[in-house]
Amino acid sequence: VQLQASGGGLVQAGGSLRLSCVASGRALNGYTVGWFRQAPGKEREFVAAVTWNDGTKGNGDSVKGRFTISRDNDGNTVYLQMNSLKPEDTAVYYCGTSPGIIAIYERRYEYWGQGTLVTVSS
């Protein structure tokens, strides 16, 4: 499966962005699609994930109440709506796929997109 992440950019603190992850090459039935982020000098961090079959969602603690993950079955696309952005949200955001139920650990993910940079200025 190929994943294409987009939607990153520069935004002021308090602003919003919506990231997109388009999947191609195979259907996503039976998979979870997740977003992770990696800031300079830090490990990759779980942000949010959604299971394709039933839409079960999970969020990382640092983004709860601010970020929302959703899916568009017809478009094979997963979105990450990011509101109330903070400077500490600055990172490269990656989407990935994991077989089965919600996965919050990076090692569970098989395929990754190329990443999209989000920069939040103070």
PDB file of N, CA and C in Angstrom:
ATOM      1  N   VAL A   1       0.838  -1.175   0.000  1.00  0.00           N
ATOM      2  CA  VAL A   1       0.000   0.000   0.000  1.00  0.00           C
ATOM      3  C   VAL A   1       0.886   1.241   0.000  1.00  0.00           C
ATOM      4  N   GLN A   2       0.465   2.259  -0.749  1.00  0.00           N
ATOM      5  CA  GLN A   2       1.192   3.534  -0.769  1.00  0.00           C
ATOM      6  C   GLN A   2       0.362   4.579  -0.032  1.00  0.00           C
ATOM      7  N   LEU A   3       1.035   5.378   0.756  1.00  0.00           N
ATOM      8  CA  LEU A   3       0.380   6.419   1.543  1.00  0.00           C
ATOM      9  C   LEU A   3       0.961   7.767   1.180  1.00  0.00           C
ATOM     10  N   GLN A   4       0.081   8.733   0.982  1.00  0.00           N
ATOM     11  CA  GLN A   4       0.491  10.086   0.641  1.00  0.00           C
ATOM     12  C   GLN A   4      -0.083  11.038   1.662  1.00  0.00           C
ATOM     13  N   ALA A   5       0.786  11.621   2.484  1.00  0.00           N
ATOM     14  CA  ALA A   5       0.360  12.585   3.491  1.00  0.00           C
ATOM     15  C   ALA A   5       0.532  13.999   2.963  1.00  0.00           C
ATOM     16  N   SER A   6      -0.405  14.864   3.304  1.00  0.00           N
ATOM     17  CA  SER A   6      -0.331  16.261   2.875  1.00  0.00           C
ATOM     18  C   SER A   6      -1.102  17.132   3.858  1.00  0.00           C
ATOM     19  N   GLY A   7      -0.973  18.450   3.663  1.00  0.00           N
ATOM     20  CA  GLY A   7      -1.733  19.390   4.464  1.00  0.00           C
ATOM     21  C   GLY A   7      -0.944  20.151   5.506  1.00  0.00           C
ATOM     22  N   GLY A   8       0.321  19.818   5.672  1.00  0.00           N
ATOM     23  CA  GLY A   8       1.130  20.545   6.634  1.00  0.00           C
ATOM     24  C   GLY A   8       1.416  21.960   6.186  1.00  0.00           C
ATOM     25  N   GLY A   9       1.966  22.741   7.109  1.00  0.00           N
ATOM     26  CA  GLY A   9       2.300  24.120   6.796  1.00  0.00           C
ATOM     27  C   GLY A   9       2.653  24.884   8.045  1.00  0.00           C
ATOM     28  N   LEU A  10       2.722  26.193   7.878  1.00  0.00           N
ATOM     29  CA  LEU A  10       3.052  27.098   8.982  1.00  0.00           C
ATOM     30  C   LEU A  10       1.767  27.753   9.477  1.00  0.00           C
ATOM     31  N   VAL A  11       1.559  27.701  10.785  1.00  0.00           N
ATOM     32  CA  VAL A  11       0.345  28.278  11.366  1.00  0.00           C
ATOM     33  C   VAL A  11       0.702  28.892  12.711  1.00  0.00           C
ATOM     34  N   GLN A  12      -0.035  29.904  13.091  1.00  0.00           N
ATOM     35  CA  GLN A  12       0.189  30.533  14.393  1.00  0.00           C
ATOM     36  C   GLN A  12      -0.457  29.706  15.500  1.00  0.00           C
ATOM     37  N   ALA A  13       0.071  29.844  16.688  1.00  0.00           N
ATOM     38  CA  ALA A  13      -0.515  29.165  17.842  1.00  0.00           C
ATOM     39  C   ALA A  13      -1.997  29.519  17.961  1.00  0.00           C
ATOM     40  N   GLY A  14      -2.804  28.506  18.249  1.00  0.00           N
ATOM     41  CA  GLY A  14      -4.239  28.695  18.325  1.00  0.00           C
ATOM     42  C   GLY A  14      -4.959  28.413  17.024  1.00  0.00           C
ATOM     43  N   GLY A  15      -4.207  28.281  15.956  1.00  0.00           N
ATOM     44  CA  GLY A  15      -4.798  28.033  14.654  1.00  0.00           C
ATOM     45  C   GLY A  15      -5.113  26.573  14.403  1.00  0.00           C
ATOM     46  N   SER A  16      -5.537  26.288  13.171  1.00  0.00           N
ATOM     47  CA  SER A  16      -5.959  24.940  12.799  1.00  0.00           C
ATOM     48  C   SER A  16      -5.335  24.532  11.478  1.00  0.00           C
ATOM     49  N   LEU A  17      -5.179  23.225  11.324  1.00  0.00           N
ATOM     50  CA  LEU A  17      -4.765  22.629  10.061  1.00  0.00           C
ATOM     51  C   LEU A  17      -5.490  21.296   9.915  1.00  0.00           C
ATOM     52  N   ARG A  18      -5.669  20.861   8.688  1.00  0.00           N
ATOM     53  CA  ARG A  18      -6.202  19.536   8.444  1.00  0.00           C
ATOM     54  C   ARG A  18      -5.229  18.753   7.576  1.00  0.00           C
ATOM     55  N   LEU A  19      -4.761  17.654   8.078  1.00  0.00           N
ATOM     56  CA  LEU A  19      -3.872  16.775   7.327  1.00  0.00           C
ATOM     57  C   LEU A  19      -4.685  15.686   6.642  1.00  0.00           C
ATOM     58  N   SER A  20      -4.186  15.259   5.497  1.00  0.00           N
ATOM     59  CA  SER A  20      -4.825  14.180   4.748  1.00  0.00           C
ATOM     60  C   SER A  20      -3.826  13.055   4.511  1.00  0.00           C
ATOM     61  N   CYS A  21      -4.334  11.849   4.514  1.00  0.00           N
ATOM     62  CA  CYS A  21      -3.521  10.671   4.194  1.00  0.00           C
ATOM     63  C   CYS A  21      -4.320   9.841   3.200  1.00  0.00           C
ATOM     64  N   VAL A  22      -3.857   9.810   1.961  1.00  0.00           N
ATOM     65  CA  VAL A  22      -4.539   9.062   0.915  1.00  0.00           C
ATOM     66  C   VAL A  22      -3.820   7.742   0.701  1.00  0.00           C
ATOM     67  N   ALA A  23      -4.582   6.661   0.728  1.00  0.00           N
ATOM     68  CA  ALA A  23      -4.019   5.325   0.546  1.00  0.00           C
ATOM     69  C   ALA A  23      -4.353   4.805  -0.842  1.00  0.00           C
ATOM     70  N   SER A  24      -3.404   4.127  -1.446  1.00  0.00           N
ATOM     71  CA  SER A  24      -3.635   3.509  -2.748  1.00  0.00           C
ATOM     72  C   SER A  24      -2.919   2.165  -2.784  1.00  0.00           C
ATOM     73  N   GLY A  25      -3.343   1.339  -3.698  1.00  0.00           N
ATOM     74  CA  GLY A  25      -2.672   0.061  -3.879  1.00  0.00           C
ATOM     75  C   GLY A  25      -3.389  -1.118  -3.275  1.00  0.00           C
ATOM     76  N   ARG A  26      -4.225  -0.875  -2.286  1.00  0.00           N
ATOM     77  CA  ARG A  26      -5.018  -1.937  -1.699  1.00  0.00           C
ATOM     78  C   ARG A  26      -6.133  -1.315  -0.871  1.00  0.00           C
ATOM     79  N   ALA A  27      -7.146  -2.126  -0.609  1.00  0.00           N
ATOM     80  CA  ALA A  27      -8.229  -1.677   0.258  1.00  0.00           C
ATOM     81  C   ALA A  27      -7.749  -1.690   1.711  1.00  0.00           C
ATOM     82  N   LEU A  28      -8.382  -0.865   2.525  1.00  0.00           N
ATOM     83  CA  LEU A  28      -7.953  -0.726   3.911  1.00  0.00           C
ATOM     84  C   LEU A  28      -8.783  -1.553   4.890  1.00  0.00           C
ATOM     85  N   ASN A  29      -9.671  -2.375   4.364  1.00  0.00           N
ATOM     86  CA  ASN A  29     -10.452  -3.243   5.252  1.00  0.00           C
ATOM     87  C   ASN A  29      -9.518  -4.112   6.072  1.00  0.00           C
ATOM     88  N   GLY A  30      -9.791  -4.132   7.379  1.00  0.00           N
ATOM     89  CA  GLY A  30      -8.966  -4.930   8.262  1.00  0.00           C
ATOM     90  C   GLY A  30      -7.718  -4.224   8.763  1.00  0.00           C
ATOM     91  N   TYR A  31      -7.583  -2.961   8.419  1.00  0.00           N
ATOM     92  CA  TYR A  31      -6.418  -2.192   8.832  1.00  0.00           C
ATOM     93  C   TYR A  31      -6.802  -1.040   9.745  1.00  0.00           C
ATOM     94  N   THR A  32      -5.829  -0.605  10.485  1.00  0.00           N
ATOM     95  CA  THR A  32      -5.891   0.653  11.219  1.00  0.00           C
ATOM     96  C   THR A  32      -4.984   1.650  10.518  1.00  0.00           C
ATOM     97  N   VAL A  33      -5.448   2.872  10.411  1.00  0.00           N
ATOM     98  CA  VAL A  33      -4.611   3.948   9.888  1.00  0.00           C
ATOM     99  C   VAL A  33      -4.316   4.899  11.045  1.00  0.00           C
ATOM    100  N   GLY A  34      -3.053   5.190  11.227  1.00  0.00           N
ATOM    101  CA  GLY A  34      -2.666   6.034  12.353  1.00  0.00           C
ATOM    102  C   GLY A  34      -1.804   7.193  11.933  1.00  0.00           C
ATOM    103  N   TRP A  35      -1.806   8.213  12.774  1.00  0.00           N
ATOM    104  CA  TRP A  35      -0.921   9.366  12.617  1.00  0.00           C
ATOM    105  C   TRP A  35       0.076   9.363  13.767  1.00  0.00           C
ATOM    106  N   PHE A  36       1.308   9.559  13.414  1.00  0.00           N
ATOM    107  CA  PHE A  36       2.381   9.752  14.379  1.00  0.00           C
ATOM    108  C   PHE A  36       3.086  11.059  14.043  1.00  0.00           C
ATOM    109  N   ARG A  37       3.850  11.564  14.985  1.00  0.00           N
ATOM    110  CA  ARG A  37       4.644  12.759  14.701  1.00  0.00           C
ATOM    111  C   ARG A  37       6.017  12.631  15.322  1.00  0.00           C
ATOM    112  N   GLN A  38       6.951  13.320  14.716  1.00  0.00           N
ATOM    113  CA  GLN A  38       8.316  13.298  15.217  1.00  0.00           C
ATOM    114  C   GLN A  38       8.898  14.702  15.178  1.00  0.00           C
ATOM    115  N   ALA A  39       9.203  15.214  16.347  1.00  0.00           N
ATOM    116  CA  ALA A  39       9.839  16.512  16.467  1.00  0.00           C
ATOM    117  C   ALA A  39      11.352  16.322  16.433  1.00  0.00           C
ATOM    118  N   PRO A  40      12.108  17.358  16.080  1.00  0.00           N
ATOM    119  CA  PRO A  40      13.571  17.238  16.023  1.00  0.00           C
ATOM    120  C   PRO A  40      14.150  16.749  17.344  1.00  0.00           C
ATOM    121  N   GLY A  41      14.959  15.713  17.272  1.00  0.00           N
ATOM    122  CA  GLY A  41      15.616  15.199  18.459  1.00  0.00           C
ATOM    123  C   GLY A  41      14.752  14.346  19.356  1.00  0.00           C
ATOM    124  N   LYS A  42      13.528  14.059  18.918  1.00  0.00           N
ATOM    125  CA  LYS A  42      12.622  13.266  19.743  1.00  0.00           C
ATOM    126  C   LYS A  42      12.195  12.001  19.020  1.00  0.00           C
ATOM    127  N   GLU A  43      11.667  11.055  19.781  1.00  0.00           N
ATOM    128  CA  GLU A  43      11.164   9.834  19.188  1.00  0.00           C
ATOM    129  C   GLU A  43       9.802  10.084  18.538  1.00  0.00           C
ATOM    130  N   ARG A  44       9.454   9.168  17.634  1.00  0.00           N
ATOM    131  CA  ARG A  44       8.143   9.268  16.994  1.00  0.00           C
ATOM    132  C   ARG A  44       7.061   8.996  18.034  1.00  0.00           C
ATOM    133  N   GLU A  45       6.019   9.840  18.005  1.00  0.00           N
ATOM    134  CA  GLU A  45       4.981   9.821  19.034  1.00  0.00           C
ATOM    135  C   GLU A  45       3.634   9.521  18.398  1.00  0.00           C
ATOM    136  N   PHE A  46       2.852   8.656  19.025  1.00  0.00           N
ATOM    137  CA  PHE A  46       1.505   8.355  18.564  1.00  0.00           C
ATOM    138  C   PHE A  46       0.602   9.571  18.733  1.00  0.00           C
ATOM    139  N   VAL A  47      -0.180   9.864  17.688  1.00  0.00           N
ATOM    140  CA  VAL A  47      -1.108  10.994  17.728  1.00  0.00           C
ATOM    141  C   VAL A  47      -2.552  10.507  17.744  1.00  0.00           C
ATOM    142  N   ALA A  48      -2.931   9.736  16.747  1.00  0.00           N
ATOM    143  CA  ALA A  48      -4.312   9.265  16.648  1.00  0.00           C
ATOM    144  C   ALA A  48      -4.369   8.119  15.653  1.00  0.00           C
ATOM    145  N   ALA A  49      -5.436   7.314  15.772  1.00  0.00           N
ATOM    146  CA  ALA A  49      -5.624   6.202  14.842  1.00  0.00           C
ATOM    147  C   ALA A  49      -7.102   5.888  14.716  1.00  0.00           C
ATOM    148  N   VAL A  50      -7.454   5.257  13.608  1.00  0.00           N
ATOM    149  CA  VAL A  50      -8.831   4.853  13.360  1.00  0.00           C
ATOM    150  C   VAL A  50      -8.810   3.504  12.655  1.00  0.00           C
ATOM    151  N   THR A  51      -9.703   2.610  13.094  1.00  0.00           N
ATOM    152  CA  THR A  51      -9.818   1.328  12.402  1.00  0.00           C
ATOM    153  C   THR A  51     -10.758   1.509  11.217  1.00  0.00           C
ATOM    154  N   TRP A  52     -10.373   0.924  10.089  1.00  0.00           N
ATOM    155  CA  TRP A  52     -11.136   1.182   8.868  1.00  0.00           C
ATOM    156  C   TRP A  52     -12.517   0.548   8.908  1.00  0.00           C
ATOM    157  N   ASN A  53     -12.629  -0.641   9.444  1.00  0.00           N
ATOM    158  CA  ASN A  53     -13.886  -1.379   9.366  1.00  0.00           C
ATOM    159  C   ASN A  53     -15.006  -0.733  10.166  1.00  0.00           C
ATOM    160  N   ASP A  54     -14.745  -0.375  11.429  1.00  0.00           N
ATOM    161  CA  ASP A  54     -15.840   0.118  12.269  1.00  0.00           C
ATOM    162  C   ASP A  54     -15.622   1.530  12.793  1.00  0.00           C
ATOM    163  N   GLY A  55     -14.535   2.160  12.414  1.00  0.00           N
ATOM    164  CA  GLY A  55     -14.337   3.554  12.801  1.00  0.00           C
ATOM    165  C   GLY A  55     -13.916   3.774  14.234  1.00  0.00           C
ATOM    166  N   THR A  56     -13.510   2.730  14.935  1.00  0.00           N
ATOM    167  CA  THR A  56     -13.020   2.923  16.297  1.00  0.00           C
ATOM    168  C   THR A  56     -11.816   3.853  16.279  1.00  0.00           C
ATOM    169  N   LYS A  57     -11.797   4.819  17.211  1.00  0.00           N
ATOM    170  CA  LYS A  57     -10.748   5.833  17.228  1.00  0.00           C
ATOM    171  C   LYS A  57      -9.971   5.823  18.539  1.00  0.00           C
ATOM    172  N   GLY A  58      -8.756   6.288  18.444  1.00  0.00           N
ATOM    173  CA  GLY A  58      -7.937   6.465  19.632  1.00  0.00           C
ATOM    174  C   GLY A  58      -7.054   7.683  19.456  1.00  0.00           C
ATOM    175  N   ASN A  59      -6.806   8.411  20.530  1.00  0.00           N
ATOM    176  CA  ASN A  59      -5.964   9.615  20.491  1.00  0.00           C
ATOM    177  C   ASN A  59      -4.861   9.519  21.530  1.00  0.00           C
ATOM    178  N   GLY A  60      -3.759  10.128  21.211  1.00  0.00           N
ATOM    179  CA  GLY A  60      -2.702  10.257  22.193  1.00  0.00           C
ATOM    180  C   GLY A  60      -3.084  11.296  23.246  1.00  0.00           C
ATOM    181  N   ASP A  61      -2.527  11.163  24.427  1.00  0.00           N
ATOM    182  CA  ASP A  61      -2.906  12.048  25.532  1.00  0.00           C
ATOM    183  C   ASP A  61      -2.604  13.517  25.235  1.00  0.00           C
ATOM    184  N   SER A  62      -1.540  13.786  24.527  1.00  0.00           N
ATOM    185  CA  SER A  62      -1.136  15.172  24.308  1.00  0.00           C
ATOM    186  C   SER A  62      -2.040  15.928  23.336  1.00  0.00           C
ATOM    187  N   VAL A  63      -2.898  15.229  22.616  1.00  0.00           N
ATOM    188  CA  VAL A  63      -3.743  15.893  21.622  1.00  0.00           C
ATOM    189  C   VAL A  63      -5.228  15.716  21.896  1.00  0.00           C
ATOM    190  N   LYS A  64      -5.582  15.027  22.971  1.00  0.00           N
ATOM    191  CA  LYS A  64      -6.996  14.797  23.267  1.00  0.00           C
ATOM    192  C   LYS A  64      -7.730  16.115  23.448  1.00  0.00           C
ATOM    193  N   GLY A  65      -8.898  16.191  22.826  1.00  0.00           N
ATOM    194  CA  GLY A  65      -9.699  17.395  22.910  1.00  0.00           C
ATOM    195  C   GLY A  65      -9.339  18.451  21.872  1.00  0.00           C
ATOM    196  N   ARG A  66      -8.229  18.242  21.161  1.00  0.00           N
ATOM    197  CA  ARG A  66      -7.795  19.223  20.158  1.00  0.00           C
ATOM    198  C   ARG A  66      -7.736  18.638  18.756  1.00  0.00           C
ATOM    199  N   PHE A  67      -7.328  17.401  18.638  1.00  0.00           N
ATOM    200  CA  PHE A  67      -7.180  16.758  17.338  1.00  0.00           C
ATOM    201  C   PHE A  67      -8.278  15.716  17.155  1.00  0.00           C
ATOM    202  N   THR A  68      -8.769  15.614  15.928  1.00  0.00           N
ATOM    203  CA  THR A  68      -9.812  14.639  15.609  1.00  0.00           C
ATOM    204  C   THR A  68      -9.428  13.885  14.345  1.00  0.00           C
ATOM    205  N   ILE A  69      -9.482  12.572  14.420  1.00  0.00           N
ATOM    206  CA  ILE A  69      -9.197  11.741  13.256  1.00  0.00           C
ATOM    207  C   ILE A  69     -10.514  11.278  12.652  1.00  0.00           C
ATOM    208  N   SER A  70     -10.560  11.213  11.332  1.00  0.00           N
ATOM    209  CA  SER A  70     -11.762  10.734  10.647  1.00  0.00           C
ATOM    210  C   SER A  70     -11.342  10.032   9.367  1.00  0.00           C
ATOM    211  N   ARG A  71     -12.301   9.306   8.786  1.00  0.00           N
ATOM    212  CA  ARG A  71     -11.979   8.584   7.561  1.00  0.00           C
ATOM    213  C   ARG A  71     -13.058   8.801   6.522  1.00  0.00           C
ATOM    214  N   ASP A  72     -12.666   8.744   5.279  1.00  0.00           N
ATOM    215  CA  ASP A  72     -13.565   8.821   4.137  1.00  0.00           C
ATOM    216  C   ASP A  72     -13.411   7.512   3.378  1.00  0.00           C
ATOM    217  N   ASN A  73     -14.344   6.620   3.595  1.00  0.00           N
ATOM    218  CA  ASN A  73     -14.214   5.291   2.993  1.00  0.00           C
ATOM    219  C   ASN A  73     -14.146   5.351   1.470  1.00  0.00           C
ATOM    220  N   ASP A  74     -14.983   6.201   0.874  1.00  0.00           N
ATOM    221  CA  ASP A  74     -15.037   6.257  -0.585  1.00  0.00           C
ATOM    222  C   ASP A  74     -13.718   6.742  -1.173  1.00  0.00           C
ATOM    223  N   GLY A  75     -13.092   7.687  -0.466  1.00  0.00           N
ATOM    224  CA  GLY A  75     -11.863   8.278  -0.981  1.00  0.00           C
ATOM    225  C   GLY A  75     -10.607   7.609  -0.477  1.00  0.00           C
ATOM    226  N   ASN A  76     -10.764   6.568   0.327  1.00  0.00           N
ATOM    227  CA  ASN A  76      -9.607   5.881   0.907  1.00  0.00           C
ATOM    228  C   ASN A  76      -8.665   6.874   1.594  1.00  0.00           C
ATOM    229  N   THR A  77      -9.280   7.801   2.318  1.00  0.00           N
ATOM    230  CA  THR A  77      -8.519   8.902   2.910  1.00  0.00           C
ATOM    231  C   THR A  77      -8.805   8.996   4.402  1.00  0.00           C
ATOM    232  N   VAL A  78      -7.773   9.285   5.159  1.00  0.00           N
ATOM    233  CA  VAL A  78      -7.908   9.568   6.587  1.00  0.00           C
ATOM    234  C   VAL A  78      -7.465  11.002   6.820  1.00  0.00           C
ATOM    235  N   TYR A  79      -8.235  11.704   7.633  1.00  0.00           N
ATOM    236  CA  TYR A  79      -7.947  13.098   7.938  1.00  0.00           C
ATOM    237  C   TYR A  79      -7.555  13.250   9.403  1.00  0.00           C
ATOM    238  N   LEU A  80      -6.750  14.263   9.654  1.00  0.00           N
ATOM    239  CA  LEU A  80      -6.440  14.645  11.031  1.00  0.00           C
ATOM    240  C   LEU A  80      -6.718  16.135  11.152  1.00  0.00           C
ATOM    241  N   GLN A  81      -7.824  16.459  11.792  1.00  0.00           N
ATOM    242  CA  GLN A  81      -8.174  17.848  12.044  1.00  0.00           C
ATOM    243  C   GLN A  81      -7.481  18.291  13.323  1.00  0.00           C
ATOM    244  N   MET A  82      -6.655  19.310  13.203  1.00  0.00           N
ATOM    245  CA  MET A  82      -5.878  19.785  14.338  1.00  0.00           C
ATOM    246  C   MET A  82      -6.302  21.202  14.691  1.00  0.00           C
ATOM    247  N   ASN A  83      -6.863  21.357  15.866  1.00  0.00           N
ATOM    248  CA  ASN A  83      -7.317  22.657  16.342  1.00  0.00           C
ATOM    249  C   ASN A  83      -6.509  23.086  17.563  1.00  0.00           C
ATOM    250  N   SER A  84      -6.589  24.355  17.880  1.00  0.00           N
ATOM    251  CA  SER A  84      -5.899  24.904  19.057  1.00  0.00           C
ATOM    252  C   SER A  84      -4.432  24.486  19.064  1.00  0.00           C
ATOM    253  N   LEU A  85      -3.790  24.665  17.938  1.00  0.00           N
ATOM    254  CA  LEU A  85      -2.410  24.213  17.805  1.00  0.00           C
ATOM    255  C   LEU A  85      -1.476  24.996  18.727  1.00  0.00           C
ATOM    256  N   LYS A  86      -0.467  24.282  19.210  1.00  0.00           N
ATOM    257  CA  LYS A  86       0.519  24.846  20.118  1.00  0.00           C
ATOM    258  C   LYS A  86       1.904  24.710  19.496  1.00  0.00           C
ATOM    259  N   PRO A  87       2.850  25.532  19.900  1.00  0.00           N
ATOM    260  CA  PRO A  87       4.213  25.392  19.365  1.00  0.00           C
ATOM    261  C   PRO A  87       4.783  23.980  19.563  1.00  0.00           C
ATOM    262  N   GLU A  88       4.405  23.330  20.633  1.00  0.00           N
ATOM    263  CA  GLU A  88       4.912  21.973  20.879  1.00  0.00           C
ATOM    264  C   GLU A  88       4.308  20.919  19.952  1.00  0.00           C
ATOM    265  N   ASP A  89       3.351  21.312  19.132  1.00  0.00           N
ATOM    266  CA  ASP A  89       2.814  20.409  18.113  1.00  0.00           C
ATOM    267  C   ASP A  89       3.695  20.410  16.853  1.00  0.00           C
ATOM    268  N   THR A  90       4.674  21.278  16.813  1.00  0.00           N
ATOM    269  CA  THR A  90       5.570  21.340  15.662  1.00  0.00           C
ATOM    270  C   THR A  90       6.312  20.018  15.494  1.00  0.00           C
ATOM    271  N   ALA A  91       6.180  19.423  14.308  1.00  0.00           N
ATOM    272  CA  ALA A  91       6.785  18.118  14.034  1.00  0.00           C
ATOM    273  C   ALA A  91       6.506  17.734  12.592  1.00  0.00           C
ATOM    274  N   VAL A  92       7.168  16.685  12.148  1.00  0.00           N
ATOM    275  CA  VAL A  92       6.783  16.022  10.902  1.00  0.00           C
ATOM    276  C   VAL A  92       5.733  14.981  11.258  1.00  0.00           C
ATOM    277  N   TYR A  93       4.618  15.038  10.563  1.00  0.00           N
ATOM    278  CA  TYR A  93       3.510  14.127  10.830  1.00  0.00           C
ATOM    279  C   TYR A  93       3.496  13.028   9.761  1.00  0.00           C
ATOM    280  N   TYR A  94       3.420  11.789  10.229  1.00  0.00           N
ATOM    281  CA  TYR A  94       3.422  10.628   9.347  1.00  0.00           C
ATOM    282  C   TYR A  94       2.137   9.842   9.524  1.00  0.00           C
ATOM    283  N   CYS A  95       1.634   9.292   8.414  1.00  0.00           N
ATOM    284  CA  CYS A  95       0.540   8.339   8.535  1.00  0.00           C
ATOM    285  C   CYS A  95       1.071   6.952   8.188  1.00  0.00           C
ATOM    286  N   GLY A  96       0.455   5.967   8.797  1.00  0.00           N
ATOM    287  CA  GLY A  96       0.886   4.589   8.597  1.00  0.00           C
ATOM    288  C   GLY A  96      -0.284   3.636   8.724  1.00  0.00           C
ATOM    289  N   THR A  97      -0.075   2.403   8.273  1.00  0.00           N
ATOM    290  CA  THR A  97      -1.109   1.388   8.384  1.00  0.00           C
ATOM    291  C   THR A  97      -0.618   0.216   9.217  1.00  0.00           C
ATOM    292  N   SER A  98      -1.553  -0.310   9.997  1.00  0.00           N
ATOM    293  CA  SER A  98      -1.269  -1.454  10.860  1.00  0.00           C
ATOM    294  C   SER A  98      -2.389  -2.462  10.694  1.00  0.00           C
ATOM    295  N   PRO A  99      -2.066  -3.735  10.525  1.00  0.00           N
ATOM    296  CA  PRO A  99      -3.143  -4.724  10.393  1.00  0.00           C
ATOM    297  C   PRO A  99      -3.892  -4.903  11.703  1.00  0.00           C
ATOM    298  N   GLY A 100      -5.207  -4.971  11.618  1.00  0.00           N
ATOM    299  CA  GLY A 100      -6.004  -5.274  12.790  1.00  0.00           C
ATOM    300  C   GLY A 100      -6.515  -4.059  13.532  1.00  0.00           C
ATOM    301  N   ILE A 101      -6.650  -4.216  14.829  1.00  0.00           N
ATOM    302  CA  ILE A 101      -7.317  -3.226  15.673  1.00  0.00           C
ATOM    303  C   ILE A 101      -6.387  -2.058  15.979  1.00  0.00           C
ATOM    304  N   ILE A 102      -6.933  -1.074  16.698  1.00  0.00           N
ATOM    305  CA  ILE A 102      -6.180   0.144  17.039  1.00  0.00           C
ATOM    306  C   ILE A 102      -4.788  -0.209  17.583  1.00  0.00           C
ATOM    307  N   ALA A 103      -3.790   0.451  17.023  1.00  0.00           N
ATOM    308  CA  ALA A 103      -2.414   0.235  17.457  1.00  0.00           C
ATOM    309  C   ALA A 103      -1.778   1.574  17.783  1.00  0.00           C
ATOM    310  N   ILE A 104      -1.164   1.676  18.949  1.00  0.00           N
ATOM    311  CA  ILE A 104      -0.536   2.931  19.351  1.00  0.00           C
ATOM    312  C   ILE A 104       0.980   2.844  19.348  1.00  0.00           C
ATOM    313  N   TYR A 105       1.508   1.666  19.045  1.00  0.00           N
ATOM    314  CA  TYR A 105       2.957   1.493  19.034  1.00  0.00           C
ATOM    315  C   TYR A 105       3.477   1.485  17.605  1.00  0.00           C
ATOM    316  N   GLU A 106       4.519   2.240  17.383  1.00  0.00           N
ATOM    317  CA  GLU A 106       5.090   2.392  16.049  1.00  0.00           C
ATOM    318  C   GLU A 106       5.443   1.049  15.418  1.00  0.00           C
ATOM    319  N   ARG A 107       5.930   0.123  16.206  1.00  0.00           N
ATOM    320  CA  ARG A 107       6.389  -1.152  15.673  1.00  0.00           C
ATOM    321  C   ARG A 107       5.266  -1.993  15.061  1.00  0.00           C
ATOM    322  N   ARG A 108       4.048  -1.645  15.362  1.00  0.00           N
ATOM    323  CA  ARG A 108       2.914  -2.377  14.796  1.00  0.00           C
ATOM    324  C   ARG A 108       2.595  -1.933  13.362  1.00  0.00           C
ATOM    325  N   TYR A 109       3.155  -0.846  12.928  1.00  0.00           N
ATOM    326  CA  TYR A 109       2.813  -0.280  11.633  1.00  0.00           C
ATOM    327  C   TYR A 109       3.762  -0.778  10.545  1.00  0.00           C
ATOM    328  N   GLU A 110       3.151  -1.139   9.398  1.00  0.00           N
ATOM    329  CA  GLU A 110       3.917  -1.758   8.320  1.00  0.00           C
ATOM    330  C   GLU A 110       4.330  -0.765   7.247  1.00  0.00           C
ATOM    331  N   TYR A 111       3.412   0.101   6.861  1.00  0.00           N
ATOM    332  CA  TYR A 111       3.660   1.026   5.769  1.00  0.00           C
ATOM    333  C   TYR A 111       3.524   2.460   6.285  1.00  0.00           C
ATOM    334  N   TRP A 112       4.344   3.344   5.708  1.00  0.00           N
ATOM    335  CA  TRP A 112       4.350   4.740   6.123  1.00  0.00           C
ATOM    336  C   TRP A 112       4.329   5.650   4.901  1.00  0.00           C
ATOM    337  N   GLY A 113       3.678   6.803   5.079  1.00  0.00           N
ATOM    338  CA  GLY A 113       3.777   7.855   4.092  1.00  0.00           C
ATOM    339  C   GLY A 113       5.060   8.641   4.302  1.00  0.00           C
ATOM    340  N   GLN A 114       5.269   9.651   3.483  1.00  0.00           N
ATOM    341  CA  GLN A 114       6.536  10.369   3.492  1.00  0.00           C
ATOM    342  C   GLN A 114       6.616  11.452   4.554  1.00  0.00           C
ATOM    343  N   GLY A 115       5.521  11.794   5.182  1.00  0.00           N
ATOM    344  CA  GLY A 115       5.527  12.816   6.220  1.00  0.00           C
ATOM    345  C   GLY A 115       5.188  14.197   5.670  1.00  0.00           C
ATOM    346  N   THR A 116       4.565  14.991   6.507  1.00  0.00           N
ATOM    347  CA  THR A 116       4.250  16.378   6.165  1.00  0.00           C
ATOM    348  C   THR A 116       4.584  17.241   7.375  1.00  0.00           C
ATOM    349  N   LEU A 117       5.257  18.351   7.135  1.00  0.00           N
ATOM    350  CA  LEU A 117       5.782  19.184   8.217  1.00  0.00           C
ATOM    351  C   LEU A 117       4.729  20.186   8.694  1.00  0.00           C
ATOM    352  N   VAL A 118       4.526  20.194   9.992  1.00  0.00           N
ATOM    353  CA  VAL A 118       3.652  21.177  10.639  1.00  0.00           C
ATOM    354  C   VAL A 118       4.519  22.044  11.532  1.00  0.00           C
ATOM    355  N   THR A 119       4.433  23.341  11.329  1.00  0.00           N
ATOM    356  CA  THR A 119       5.188  24.286  12.147  1.00  0.00           C
ATOM    357  C   THR A 119       4.210  25.261  12.782  1.00  0.00           C
ATOM    358  N   VAL A 120       4.247  25.343  14.095  1.00  0.00           N
ATOM    359  CA  VAL A 120       3.350  26.227  14.830  1.00  0.00           C
ATOM    360  C   VAL A 120       4.196  27.314  15.484  1.00  0.00           C
ATOM    361  N   SER A 121       3.938  28.540  15.110  1.00  0.00           N
ATOM    362  CA  SER A 121       4.710  29.656  15.657  1.00  0.00           C
ATOM    363  C   SER A 121       3.996  30.248  16.871  1.00  0.00           C
ATOM    364  N   SER A 122       4.798  30.776  17.780  1.00  0.00           N
ATOM    365  CA  SER A 122       4.214  31.335  19.012  1.00  0.00           C
ATOM    366  C   SER A 122       3.887  32.805  18.852  1.00  0.00           C
TER     367      SER A 122
END
